[in-house]
PDB file of N, CA and C in Angstrom:
ATOM      1  N   MET A   1     -72.930 198.002 -12.508  1.00  0.00           N
ATOM      2  CA  MET A   1     -72.976 199.034 -11.607  1.00  0.00           C
ATOM      3  C   MET A   1     -72.765 199.802 -13.487  1.00  0.00           C
ATOM      4  N   GLN A   2     -72.965 201.468 -13.308  1.00  0.00           N
ATOM      5  CA  GLN A   2     -72.489 201.710 -14.754  1.00  0.00           C
ATOM      6  C   GLN A   2     -71.658 203.338 -14.296  1.00  0.00           C
ATOM      7  N   LEU A   3     -70.792 203.789 -14.988  1.00  0.00           N
ATOM      8  CA  LEU A   3     -70.314 205.262 -14.351  1.00  0.00           C
ATOM      9  C   LEU A   3     -70.866 206.027 -15.698  1.00  0.00           C
ATOM     10  N   LEU A   4     -71.325 207.083 -14.988  1.00  0.00           N
ATOM     11  CA  LEU A   4     -71.767 208.169 -16.426  1.00  0.00           C
ATOM     12  C   LEU A   4     -70.901 209.545 -15.778  1.00  0.00           C
ATOM     13  N   PHE A   5     -70.472 210.334 -17.175  1.00  0.00           N
ATOM     14  CA  PHE A   5     -70.008 211.196 -17.733  1.00  0.00           C
ATOM     15  C   PHE A   5     -70.836 212.169 -17.708  1.00  0.00           C
ATOM     16  N   PHE A   6     -70.908 213.732 -17.346  1.00  0.00           N
ATOM     17  CA  PHE A   6     -71.475 214.679 -18.146  1.00  0.00           C
ATOM     18  C   PHE A   6     -69.787 215.766 -17.834  1.00  0.00           C
ATOM     19  N   HIS A   7     -69.945 216.534 -19.372  1.00  0.00           N
ATOM     20  CA  HIS A   7     -69.155 217.365 -19.767  1.00  0.00           C
ATOM     21  C   HIS A   7     -69.546 217.893 -20.549  1.00  0.00           C
ATOM     22  N   GLY A   8     -68.634 218.906 -21.679  1.00  0.00           N
ATOM     23  CA  GLY A   8     -68.791 220.286 -21.834  1.00  0.00           C
ATOM     24  C   GLY A   8     -67.727 220.542 -22.975  1.00  0.00           C
ATOM     25  N   THR A   9     -68.037 220.418 -24.005  1.00  0.00           N
ATOM     26  CA  THR A   9     -67.038 220.800 -25.550  1.00  0.00           C
ATOM     27  C   THR A   9     -66.300 221.792 -25.108  1.00  0.00           C
ATOM     28  N   PHE A  10     -66.959 222.728 -24.597  1.00  0.00           N
ATOM     29  CA  PHE A  10     -65.917 223.748 -24.777  1.00  0.00           C
ATOM     30  C   PHE A  10     -64.725 223.591 -23.289  1.00  0.00           C
ATOM     31  N   CYS A  11     -64.688 222.790 -22.717  1.00  0.00           N
ATOM     32  CA  CYS A  11     -63.944 222.070 -21.420  1.00  0.00           C
ATOM     33  C   CYS A  11     -62.425 221.703 -21.718  1.00  0.00           C
ATOM     34  N   PRO A  12     -61.706 222.025 -21.356  1.00  0.00           N
ATOM     35  CA  PRO A  12     -60.306 221.662 -21.844  1.00  0.00           C
ATOM     36  C   PRO A  12     -60.230 220.127 -20.450  1.00  0.00           C
ATOM     37  N   PRO A  13     -60.537 220.585 -19.214  1.00  0.00           N
ATOM     38  CA  PRO A  13     -60.690 219.243 -18.472  1.00  0.00           C
ATOM     39  C   PRO A  13     -61.207 218.760 -18.502  1.00  0.00           C
ATOM     40  N   CYS A  14     -62.347 218.390 -19.676  1.00  0.00           N
ATOM     41  CA  CYS A  14     -63.375 217.201 -19.942  1.00  0.00           C
ATOM     42  C   CYS A  14     -63.120 216.344 -20.887  1.00  0.00           C
ATOM     43  N   THR A  15     -62.223 216.925 -21.892  1.00  0.00           N
ATOM     44  CA  THR A  15     -61.490 216.163 -22.583  1.00  0.00           C
ATOM     45  C   THR A  15     -60.226 215.851 -22.089  1.00  0.00           C
ATOM     46  N   ALA A  16     -59.806 215.928 -21.289  1.00  0.00           N
ATOM     47  CA  ALA A  16     -58.598 215.266 -20.563  1.00  0.00           C
ATOM     48  C   ALA A  16     -59.594 214.152 -19.771  1.00  0.00           C
ATOM     49  N   THR A  17     -60.445 213.986 -19.077  1.00  0.00           N
ATOM     50  CA  THR A  17     -60.817 213.639 -18.375  1.00  0.00           C
ATOM     51  C   THR A  17     -61.950 212.383 -18.933  1.00  0.00           C
ATOM     52  N   GLN A  18     -61.818 212.750 -19.559  1.00  0.00           N
ATOM     53  CA  GLN A  18     -63.136 211.017 -20.613  1.00  0.00           C
ATOM     54  C   GLN A  18     -61.925 210.316 -21.208  1.00  0.00           C
ATOM     55  N   LYS A  19     -60.861 210.932 -22.193  1.00  0.00           N
ATOM     56  CA  LYS A  19     -60.221 210.145 -21.698  1.00  0.00           C
ATOM     57  C   LYS A  19     -60.137 208.961 -20.921  1.00  0.00           C
ATOM     58  N   ALA A  20     -59.416 209.523 -19.855  1.00  0.00           N
ATOM     59  CA  ALA A  20     -58.700 208.773 -18.610  1.00  0.00           C
ATOM     60  C   ALA A  20     -60.181 207.809 -18.582  1.00  0.00           C
ATOM     61  N   ALA A  21     -61.328 208.520 -18.787  1.00  0.00           N
ATOM     62  CA  ALA A  21     -62.849 207.844 -17.761  1.00  0.00           C
ATOM     63  C   ALA A  21     -62.897 206.658 -19.016  1.00  0.00           C
ATOM     64  N   GLN A  22     -63.085 206.477 -20.442  1.00  0.00           N
ATOM     65  CA  GLN A  22     -62.690 205.252 -20.935  1.00  0.00           C
ATOM     66  C   GLN A  22     -61.887 204.699 -20.669  1.00  0.00           C
ATOM     67  N   GLN A  23     -60.327 204.889 -20.396  1.00  0.00           N
ATOM     68  CA  GLN A  23     -59.705 203.332 -20.202  1.00  0.00           C
ATOM     69  C   GLN A  23     -60.103 203.194 -19.118  1.00  0.00           C
ATOM     70  N   TYR A  24     -60.669 204.028 -17.733  1.00  0.00           N
ATOM     71  CA  TYR A  24     -61.180 203.067 -17.101  1.00  0.00           C
ATOM     72  C   TYR A  24     -62.284 202.525 -16.997  1.00  0.00           C
ATOM     73  N   ALA A  25     -63.346 202.392 -17.494  1.00  0.00           N
ATOM     74  CA  ALA A  25     -63.981 201.539 -18.175  1.00  0.00           C
ATOM     75  C   ALA A  25     -63.675 200.676 -18.536  1.00  0.00           C
ATOM     76  N   GLU A  26     -62.794 200.420 -19.366  1.00  0.00           N
ATOM     77  CA  GLU A  26     -61.821 199.625 -20.107  1.00  0.00           C
ATOM     78  C   GLU A  26     -61.336 198.274 -19.316  1.00  0.00           C
ATOM     79  N   GLU A  27     -60.634 198.843 -18.537  1.00  0.00           N
ATOM     80  CA  GLU A  27     -59.869 198.711 -17.287  1.00  0.00           C
ATOM     81  C   GLU A  27     -60.711 197.882 -16.505  1.00  0.00           C
ATOM     82  N   THR A  28     -61.857 198.235 -16.481  1.00  0.00           N
ATOM     83  CA  THR A  28     -62.894 197.959 -15.113  1.00  0.00           C
ATOM     84  C   THR A  28     -64.066 197.108 -16.024  1.00  0.00           C
ATOM     85  N   GLY A  29     -64.726 197.003 -16.513  1.00  0.00           N
ATOM     86  CA  GLY A  29     -65.937 196.596 -17.423  1.00  0.00           C
ATOM     87  C   GLY A  29     -67.198 196.996 -16.851  1.00  0.00           C
ATOM     88  N   VAL A  30     -66.869 198.404 -16.261  1.00  0.00           N
ATOM     89  CA  VAL A  30     -67.544 199.224 -15.818  1.00  0.00           C
ATOM     90  C   VAL A  30     -68.559 200.074 -16.718  1.00  0.00           C
ATOM     91  N   PRO A  31     -69.669 199.878 -17.492  1.00  0.00           N
ATOM     92  CA  PRO A  31     -69.942 200.969 -18.532  1.00  0.00           C
ATOM     93  C   PRO A  31     -69.773 201.877 -18.812  1.00  0.00           C
ATOM     94  N   LEU A  32     -69.006 202.889 -19.372  1.00  0.00           N
ATOM     95  CA  LEU A  32     -69.392 204.087 -19.337  1.00  0.00           C
ATOM     96  C   LEU A  32     -70.457 205.120 -20.663  1.00  0.00           C
ATOM     97  N   TYR A  33     -71.355 205.997 -20.022  1.00  0.00           N
ATOM     98  CA  TYR A  33     -71.982 206.571 -20.472  1.00  0.00           C
ATOM     99  C   TYR A  33     -71.863 207.947 -20.557  1.00  0.00           C
ATOM    100  N   THR A  34     -71.758 208.354 -21.640  1.00  0.00           N
ATOM    101  CA  THR A  34     -71.523 210.105 -21.334  1.00  0.00           C
ATOM    102  C   THR A  34     -72.793 210.950 -22.251  1.00  0.00           C
ATOM    103  N   PHE A  35     -72.569 212.322 -21.150  1.00  0.00           N
ATOM    104  CA  PHE A  35     -73.398 212.893 -21.370  1.00  0.00           C
ATOM    105  C   PHE A  35     -73.151 214.356 -21.972  1.00  0.00           C
ATOM    106  N   ARG A  36     -73.563 215.173 -22.875  1.00  0.00           N
ATOM    107  CA  ARG A  36     -72.813 216.795 -22.864  1.00  0.00           C
ATOM    108  C   ARG A  36     -73.701 217.353 -22.176  1.00  0.00           C
ATOM    109  N   CYS A  37     -72.969 217.968 -21.922  1.00  0.00           N
ATOM    110  CA  CYS A  37     -73.383 219.370 -20.838  1.00  0.00           C
ATOM    111  C   CYS A  37     -72.562 221.002 -20.837  1.00  0.00           C
ATOM    112  N   ASP A  38     -73.238 220.964 -22.224  1.00  0.00           N
ATOM    113  CA  ASP A  38     -73.030 222.738 -22.545  1.00  0.00           C
ATOM    114  C   ASP A  38     -73.546 223.645 -21.641  1.00  0.00           C
ATOM    115  N   ASP A  39     -74.716 223.363 -21.641  1.00  0.00           N
ATOM    116  CA  ASP A  39     -75.285 224.243 -20.661  1.00  0.00           C
ATOM    117  C   ASP A  39     -75.783 223.244 -19.350  1.00  0.00           C
ATOM    118  N   VAL A  40     -74.947 223.359 -18.438  1.00  0.00           N
ATOM    119  CA  VAL A  40     -75.470 222.637 -17.208  1.00  0.00           C
ATOM    120  C   VAL A  40     -76.486 222.648 -16.359  1.00  0.00           C
ATOM    121  N   TYR A  41     -77.169 224.200 -16.450  1.00  0.00           N
ATOM    122  CA  TYR A  41     -78.261 225.319 -15.903  1.00  0.00           C
ATOM    123  C   TYR A  41     -79.058 224.746 -16.573  1.00  0.00           C
ATOM    124  N   GLY A  42     -79.458 225.104 -18.298  1.00  0.00           N
ATOM    125  CA  GLY A  42     -79.872 225.516 -18.755  1.00  0.00           C
ATOM    126  C   GLY A  42     -81.342 223.696 -19.385  1.00  0.00           C
ATOM    127  N   GLY A  43     -80.469 223.217 -20.418  1.00  0.00           N
ATOM    128  CA  GLY A  43     -81.766 222.509 -20.973  1.00  0.00           C
ATOM    129  C   GLY A  43     -81.208 220.770 -20.648  1.00  0.00           C
ATOM    130  N   ASN A  44     -80.741 220.343 -20.061  1.00  0.00           N
ATOM    131  CA  ASN A  44     -79.672 219.084 -20.238  1.00  0.00           C
ATOM    132  C   ASN A  44     -80.785 218.070 -18.825  1.00  0.00           C
ATOM    133  N   ASP A  45     -81.289 217.416 -19.541  1.00  0.00           N
ATOM    134  CA  ASP A  45     -82.379 216.418 -18.399  1.00  0.00           C
ATOM    135  C   ASP A  45     -81.864 215.774 -17.639  1.00  0.00           C
ATOM    136  N   MET A  46     -80.425 214.890 -18.455  1.00  0.00           N
ATOM    137  CA  MET A  46     -80.300 214.215 -17.697  1.00  0.00           C
ATOM    138  C   MET A  46     -79.212 214.900 -16.128  1.00  0.00           C
ATOM    139  N   ALA A  47     -78.560 215.785 -16.316  1.00  0.00           N
ATOM    140  CA  ALA A  47     -77.515 216.340 -15.217  1.00  0.00           C
ATOM    141  C   ALA A  47     -78.387 217.284 -14.645  1.00  0.00           C
ATOM    142  N   ARG A  48     -79.899 217.548 -14.856  1.00  0.00           N
ATOM    143  CA  ARG A  48     -80.359 217.714 -13.620  1.00  0.00           C
ATOM    144  C   ARG A  48     -81.188 216.822 -12.470  1.00  0.00           C
ATOM    145  N   GLN A  49     -80.978 215.792 -13.333  1.00  0.00           N
ATOM    146  CA  GLN A  49     -81.845 214.679 -12.909  1.00  0.00           C
ATOM    147  C   GLN A  49     -80.236 214.257 -11.605  1.00  0.00           C
ATOM    148  N   ASN A  50     -79.288 214.094 -12.385  1.00  0.00           N
ATOM    149  CA  ASN A  50     -78.936 213.695 -11.400  1.00  0.00           C
ATOM    150  C   ASN A  50     -77.293 214.739 -10.256  1.00  0.00           C
ATOM    151  N   HIS A  51     -78.134 215.831 -10.024  1.00  0.00           N
ATOM    152  CA  HIS A  51     -77.752 217.154  -9.707  1.00  0.00           C
ATOM    153  C   HIS A  51     -76.504 217.317  -9.597  1.00  0.00           C
ATOM    154  N   VAL A  52     -76.051 217.162 -11.435  1.00  0.00           N
ATOM    155  CA  VAL A  52     -75.233 217.526 -11.880  1.00  0.00           C
ATOM    156  C   VAL A  52     -74.781 219.417 -11.628  1.00  0.00           C
ATOM    157  N   ARG A  53     -73.549 220.004 -10.939  1.00  0.00           N
ATOM    158  CA  ARG A  53     -73.691 221.360 -10.552  1.00  0.00           C
ATOM    159  C   ARG A  53     -72.207 221.908 -10.694  1.00  0.00           C
ATOM    160  N   HIS A  54     -71.192 220.995 -11.941  1.00  0.00           N
ATOM    161  CA  HIS A  54     -69.712 221.086 -12.316  1.00  0.00           C
ATOM    162  C   HIS A  54     -69.696 219.708 -12.972  1.00  0.00           C
ATOM    163  N   ILE A  55     -68.538 220.922 -14.240  1.00  0.00           N
ATOM    164  CA  ILE A  55     -68.288 218.855 -15.444  1.00  0.00           C
ATOM    165  C   ILE A  55     -66.754 220.048 -14.826  1.00  0.00           C
ATOM    166  N   PRO A  56     -66.039 218.693 -15.618  1.00  0.00           N
ATOM    167  CA  PRO A  56     -66.401 217.427 -15.427  1.00  0.00           C
ATOM    168  C   PRO A  56     -66.698 216.686 -14.113  1.00  0.00           C
ATOM    169  N   CYS A  57     -67.814 215.912 -14.870  1.00  0.00           N
ATOM    170  CA  CYS A  57     -68.705 215.588 -13.200  1.00  0.00           C
ATOM    171  C   CYS A  57     -68.761 213.774 -13.722  1.00  0.00           C
ATOM    172  N   LEU A  58     -68.529 212.883 -13.137  1.00  0.00           N
ATOM    173  CA  LEU A  58     -68.109 211.633 -13.087  1.00  0.00           C
ATOM    174  C   LEU A  58     -69.228 211.189 -12.154  1.00  0.00           C
ATOM    175  N   ILE A  59     -69.959 209.813 -12.045  1.00  0.00           N
ATOM    176  CA  ILE A  59     -71.235 209.306 -10.892  1.00  0.00           C
ATOM    177  C   ILE A  59     -70.644 207.884 -11.767  1.00  0.00           C
ATOM    178  N   LEU A  60     -71.346 206.921 -10.282  1.00  0.00           N
ATOM    179  CA  LEU A  60     -70.663 205.909 -10.102  1.00  0.00           C
ATOM    180  C   LEU A  60     -72.083 205.422  -9.506  1.00  0.00           C
ATOM    181  N   LYS A  61     -72.849 204.418 -10.573  1.00  0.00           N
ATOM    182  CA  LYS A  61     -74.036 204.375 -10.328  1.00  0.00           C
ATOM    183  C   LYS A  61     -73.821 202.337  -9.894  1.00  0.00           C
ATOM    184  N   ASP A  62     -75.012 202.340  -8.866  1.00  0.00           N
ATOM    185  CA  ASP A  62     -74.820 200.551  -8.732  1.00  0.00           C
ATOM    186  C   ASP A  62     -76.627 199.730 -10.195  1.00  0.00           C
ATOM    187  N   ASP A  63     -76.257 198.681  -9.687  1.00  0.00           N
ATOM    188  CA  ASP A  63     -77.276 198.292 -11.203  1.00  0.00           C
ATOM    189  C   ASP A  63     -78.715 198.407 -10.767  1.00  0.00           C
ATOM    190  N   ARG A  64     -79.114 199.043  -9.373  1.00  0.00           N
ATOM    191  CA  ARG A  64     -80.367 199.334  -9.613  1.00  0.00           C
ATOM    192  C   ARG A  64     -80.508 201.596  -9.643  1.00  0.00           C
ATOM    193  N   GLY A  65     -79.349 201.581 -10.001  1.00  0.00           N
ATOM    194  CA  GLY A  65     -79.104 203.219 -10.297  1.00  0.00           C
ATOM    195  C   GLY A  65     -79.244 204.060  -8.778  1.00  0.00           C
ATOM    196  N   ASN A  66     -78.728 203.338  -7.800  1.00  0.00           N
ATOM    197  CA  ASN A  66     -78.078 204.641  -7.014  1.00  0.00           C
ATOM    198  C   ASN A  66     -76.780 205.309  -6.867  1.00  0.00           C
ATOM    199  N   GLU A  67     -76.737 205.796  -6.525  1.00  0.00           N
ATOM    200  CA  GLU A  67     -75.621 206.985  -6.462  1.00  0.00           C
ATOM    201  C   GLU A  67     -74.658 206.498  -5.715  1.00  0.00           C
ATOM    202  N   LEU A  68     -73.456 205.923  -6.060  1.00  0.00           N
ATOM    203  CA  LEU A  68     -72.388 205.075  -4.676  1.00  0.00           C
ATOM    204  C   LEU A  68     -71.492 206.608  -4.348  1.00  0.00           C
ATOM    205  N   THR A  69     -70.910 206.882  -5.350  1.00  0.00           N
ATOM    206  CA  THR A  69     -70.324 208.114  -5.662  1.00  0.00           C
ATOM    207  C   THR A  69     -69.860 209.362  -6.172  1.00  0.00           C
ATOM    208  N   ARG A  70     -69.197 210.559  -6.567  1.00  0.00           N
ATOM    209  CA  ARG A  70     -69.065 210.823  -7.789  1.00  0.00           C
ATOM    210  C   ARG A  70     -67.549 212.042  -7.326  1.00  0.00           C
ATOM    211  N   THR A  71     -67.443 212.496  -8.738  1.00  0.00           N
ATOM    212  CA  THR A  71     -66.455 213.552  -8.639  1.00  0.00           C
ATOM    213  C   THR A  71     -66.494 214.681  -9.636  1.00  0.00           C
ATOM    214  N   GLU A  72     -66.441 215.636  -8.717  1.00  0.00           N
ATOM    215  CA  GLU A  72     -66.498 216.634 -10.476  1.00  0.00           C
ATOM    216  C   GLU A  72     -65.711 217.611 -10.271  1.00  0.00           C
ATOM    217  N   CYS A  73     -64.191 216.911 -10.913  1.00  0.00           N
ATOM    218  CA  CYS A  73     -63.474 217.828 -11.385  1.00  0.00           C
ATOM    219  C   CYS A  73     -62.519 217.064 -12.230  1.00  0.00           C
ATOM    220  N   ALA A  74     -61.525 217.284 -12.741  1.00  0.00           N
ATOM    221  CA  ALA A  74     -60.832 217.093 -14.125  1.00  0.00           C
ATOM    222  C   ALA A  74     -59.699 215.704 -13.313  1.00  0.00           C
ATOM    223  N   HIS A  75     -59.739 214.280 -14.344  1.00  0.00           N
ATOM    224  CA  HIS A  75     -58.994 212.853 -13.567  1.00  0.00           C
ATOM    225  C   HIS A  75     -58.130 212.533 -14.716  1.00  0.00           C
ATOM    226  N   THR A  76     -57.075 212.053 -13.883  1.00  0.00           N
ATOM    227  CA  THR A  76     -56.097 210.830 -14.868  1.00  0.00           C
ATOM    228  C   THR A  76     -56.263 209.790 -14.123  1.00  0.00           C
ATOM    229  N   LEU A  77     -56.472 208.454 -15.104  1.00  0.00           N
ATOM    230  CA  LEU A  77     -56.324 207.303 -14.908  1.00  0.00           C
ATOM    231  C   LEU A  77     -56.542 207.021 -13.670  1.00  0.00           C
ATOM    232  N   GLU A  78     -55.048 207.619 -12.886  1.00  0.00           N
ATOM    233  CA  GLU A  78     -54.829 207.530 -11.643  1.00  0.00           C
ATOM    234  C   GLU A  78     -55.481 207.829 -10.274  1.00  0.00           C
ATOM    235  N   THR A  79     -55.586 208.872 -10.872  1.00  0.00           N
ATOM    236  CA  THR A  79     -57.211 209.705  -9.690  1.00  0.00           C
ATOM    237  C   THR A  79     -58.495 208.876  -9.976  1.00  0.00           C
ATOM    238  N   LEU A  80     -58.570 208.227 -11.090  1.00  0.00           N
ATOM    239  CA  LEU A  80     -59.905 207.332 -10.781  1.00  0.00           C
ATOM    240  C   LEU A  80     -60.296 206.470 -10.184  1.00  0.00           C
ATOM    241  N   HIS A  81     -59.592 205.702 -10.844  1.00  0.00           N
ATOM    242  CA  HIS A  81     -58.988 204.970  -9.532  1.00  0.00           C
ATOM    243  C   HIS A  81     -59.140 204.883  -7.861  1.00  0.00           C
ATOM    244  N   LEU A  82     -58.345 205.766  -7.635  1.00  0.00           N
ATOM    245  CA  LEU A  82     -58.254 206.268  -6.095  1.00  0.00           C
ATOM    246  C   LEU A  82     -59.863 206.777  -6.142  1.00  0.00           C
ATOM    247  N   ALA A  83     -60.875 207.411  -6.470  1.00  0.00           N
ATOM    248  CA  ALA A  83     -62.185 208.346  -6.732  1.00  0.00           C
ATOM    249  C   ALA A  83     -62.923 206.787  -6.269  1.00  0.00           C
ATOM    250  N   PHE A  84     -63.036 206.049  -7.305  1.00  0.00           N
ATOM    251  CA  PHE A  84     -64.344 204.898  -7.571  1.00  0.00           C
ATOM    252  C   PHE A  84     -63.404 203.077  -6.723  1.00  0.00           C
ATOM    253  N   ASP A  85     -62.284 203.110  -6.656  1.00  0.00           N
ATOM    254  CA  ASP A  85     -62.132 201.576  -6.755  1.00  0.00           C
ATOM    255  C   ASP A  85     -62.733 201.418  -5.702  1.00  0.00           C
ATOM    256  N   ALA A  86     -62.883 201.668  -4.329  1.00  0.00           N
ATOM    257  CA  ALA A  86     -63.132 201.159  -2.772  1.00  0.00           C
ATOM    258  C   ALA A  86     -65.025 201.155  -3.323  1.00  0.00           C
ATOM    259  N   ALA A  87     -65.338 201.676  -4.119  1.00  0.00           N
ATOM    260  CA  ALA A  87     -67.111 201.605  -4.381  1.00  0.00           C
ATOM    261  C   ALA A  87     -67.435 200.501  -5.023  1.00  0.00           C
ATOM    262  N   LEU A  88     -66.133 200.481  -6.248  1.00  0.00           N
ATOM    263  CA  LEU A  88     -66.609 198.906  -7.020  1.00  0.00           C
ATOM    264  C   LEU A  88     -66.772 197.782  -6.153  1.00  0.00           C
ATOM    265  N   LYS A  89     -65.272 197.940  -5.324  1.00  0.00           N
ATOM    266  CA  LYS A  89     -65.642 196.823  -4.319  1.00  0.00           C
ATOM    267  C   LYS A  89     -66.393 196.965  -3.298  1.00  0.00           C
ATOM    268  N   GLY A  90     -67.652 197.755  -3.253  1.00  0.00           N
ATOM    269  CA  GLY A  90     -68.527 197.108  -2.617  1.00  0.00           C
ATOM    270  C   GLY A  90     -68.396 198.859  -1.443  1.00  0.00           C
ATOM    271  N   GLY A  91     -67.703 199.507  -0.807  1.00  0.00           N
ATOM    272  CA  GLY A  91     -67.198 200.541  -0.074  1.00  0.00           C
ATOM    273  C   GLY A  91     -68.387 201.898  -0.842  1.00  0.00           C
ATOM    274  N   GLU A  92     -67.742 202.456   0.399  1.00  0.00           N
ATOM    275  CA  GLU A  92     -68.252 203.565  -0.362  1.00  0.00           C
ATOM    276  C   GLU A  92     -67.044 205.282  -0.293  1.00  0.00           C
ATOM    277  N   ASN A  93     -67.139 206.583  -1.008  1.00  0.00           N
ATOM    278  CA  ASN A  93     -65.792 207.086  -1.304  1.00  0.00           C
ATOM    279  C   ASN A  93     -66.120 208.564  -0.938  1.00  0.00           C
ATOM    280  N   LYS A  94     -66.788 208.495  -0.607  1.00  0.00           N
ATOM    281  CA  LYS A  94     -67.566 210.092  -0.187  1.00  0.00           C
ATOM    282  C   LYS A  94     -67.113 210.905   1.140  1.00  0.00           C
TER     283      LYS A  94
END
């Protein structure tokens, strides 16, 4: 599993969500990879490859790189658990 986090440096909700995502990764043991997307539509290859349209965006992928679920809104640690825990346990949250 891996958790991808797309954010912008200009985005206050991204800053708050990044802290929650780091805590979530520590609690669950899922590696967190962060990608700065100050221009989501312009030049960020990872954002384009993952069809990111809004930031903050978190995408949970399985070990083969398949997307299990995603969210494109600000989160707290509690709401990240609500958004991703079922997918971590083998279900889907879509």
